[in-house]
């Protein structure tokens, strides 16, 4: 006799699977962005500001409020978002 799996158990398994896949996708994104800040080809002034703030790798910019980076300014944020956009569109 074949046992059937209750629907609530199937829902729990599906939920955990989707959470795992989401985590996996996020981790791949971070691994793909494990490059030096210099890879964004930013003007040296903004690259230095990032390095002075301890931001050495591209993935460190993810989940960060760029406007709160000390010394970056509005123009720097525009350069940074343009560089990130170009980087992410190439992946």
Protein backbone atom coordinates (compact mmCIF):
# COMPACT_ATOMS: atom_id res chain seq x y z
CA UNK A 1 0.00 0.00 0.00
CA UNK A 2 1.33 3.44 -0.94
CA UNK A 3 1.07 6.17 1.68
CA UNK A 4 0.15 9.66 0.57
CA UNK A 5 1.89 12.67 2.02
CA UNK A 6 -0.41 15.14 3.76
CA UNK A 7 -0.86 18.46 1.95
CA UNK A 8 0.51 20.51 4.85
CA UNK A 9 3.74 18.51 4.76
CA UNK A 10 4.05 19.07 1.01
CA UNK A 11 3.49 22.81 1.57
CA UNK A 12 6.21 22.87 4.25
CA UNK A 13 8.63 21.06 1.96
CA UNK A 14 7.87 23.45 -0.91
CA UNK A 15 8.33 26.46 1.36
CA UNK A 16 11.70 25.22 2.62
CA UNK A 17 12.81 24.37 -0.92
CA UNK A 18 11.93 27.86 -2.17
CA UNK A 19 13.75 29.44 0.78
CA UNK A 20 16.83 27.32 0.06
CA UNK A 21 16.78 28.21 -3.62
CA UNK A 22 16.42 31.91 -2.78
CA UNK A 23 19.39 31.70 -0.41
CA UNK A 24 21.41 29.83 -3.05
CA UNK A 25 20.62 32.49 -5.66
CA UNK A 26 21.64 35.26 -3.27
CA UNK A 27 24.91 33.50 -2.40
CA UNK A 28 25.76 33.08 -6.09
CA UNK A 29 25.18 36.79 -6.54
CA UNK A 30 27.59 37.59 -3.73
CA UNK A 31 30.19 35.16 -5.05
CA UNK A 32 29.95 36.68 -8.52
CA UNK A 33 30.58 40.12 -7.02
CA UNK A 34 33.64 39.07 -5.04
CA UNK A 35 35.82 41.44 -7.00
CA UNK A 36 37.84 44.47 -5.94
CA UNK A 37 36.11 47.86 -5.97
CA UNK A 38 38.53 48.90 -8.72
CA UNK A 39 36.63 46.60 -11.09
CA UNK A 40 33.83 49.18 -11.23
CA UNK A 41 36.16 51.66 -13.00
CA UNK A 42 35.05 54.54 -10.80
CA UNK A 43 36.92 57.83 -10.72
CA UNK A 44 39.86 57.49 -8.32
CA UNK A 45 38.32 60.04 -5.92
CA UNK A 46 35.25 57.86 -5.29
CA UNK A 47 37.26 54.66 -5.22
CA UNK A 48 39.42 56.19 -2.48
CA UNK A 49 36.32 57.22 -0.49
CA UNK A 50 35.04 53.63 -0.64
CA UNK A 51 38.39 52.22 0.41
CA UNK A 52 38.62 54.74 3.26
CA UNK A 53 35.20 53.51 4.44
CA UNK A 54 36.44 49.90 4.48
CA UNK A 55 34.60 48.86 1.32
CA UNK A 56 37.07 46.69 -0.55
CA UNK A 57 34.85 44.32 -2.56
CA UNK A 58 31.85 44.94 -4.82
CA UNK A 59 29.55 42.66 -2.81
CA UNK A 60 30.05 44.90 0.22
CA UNK A 61 27.92 47.51 -1.55
CA UNK A 62 24.92 45.18 -1.68
CA UNK A 63 22.32 45.80 1.03
CA UNK A 64 23.98 49.11 1.92
CA UNK A 65 22.53 52.62 1.81
CA UNK A 66 24.93 54.26 -0.62
CA UNK A 67 23.93 57.77 0.42
CA UNK A 68 25.18 57.06 3.94
CA UNK A 69 28.74 56.33 2.83
CA UNK A 70 30.74 59.12 4.40
CA UNK A 71 32.28 61.47 1.83
CA UNK A 72 30.66 60.01 -1.30
CA UNK A 73 28.18 62.84 -2.03
CA UNK A 74 25.34 62.91 -4.54
CA UNK A 75 27.58 62.85 -7.62
CA UNK A 76 29.56 59.98 -6.16
CA UNK A 77 26.37 58.01 -5.57
CA UNK A 78 25.43 58.55 -9.23
CA UNK A 79 28.87 57.32 -10.36
CA UNK A 80 28.59 54.36 -8.02
CA UNK A 81 25.10 53.34 -9.10
CA UNK A 82 26.08 53.68 -12.77
CA UNK A 83 29.13 51.48 -12.18
CA UNK A 84 27.09 48.90 -10.28
CA UNK A 85 24.39 48.93 -12.95
CA UNK A 86 26.96 48.32 -15.66
CA UNK A 87 28.62 45.56 -13.61
CA UNK A 88 25.34 43.80 -12.83
CA UNK A 89 24.12 43.99 -16.42
CA UNK A 90 27.31 42.21 -17.59
CA UNK A 91 26.83 39.22 -15.28
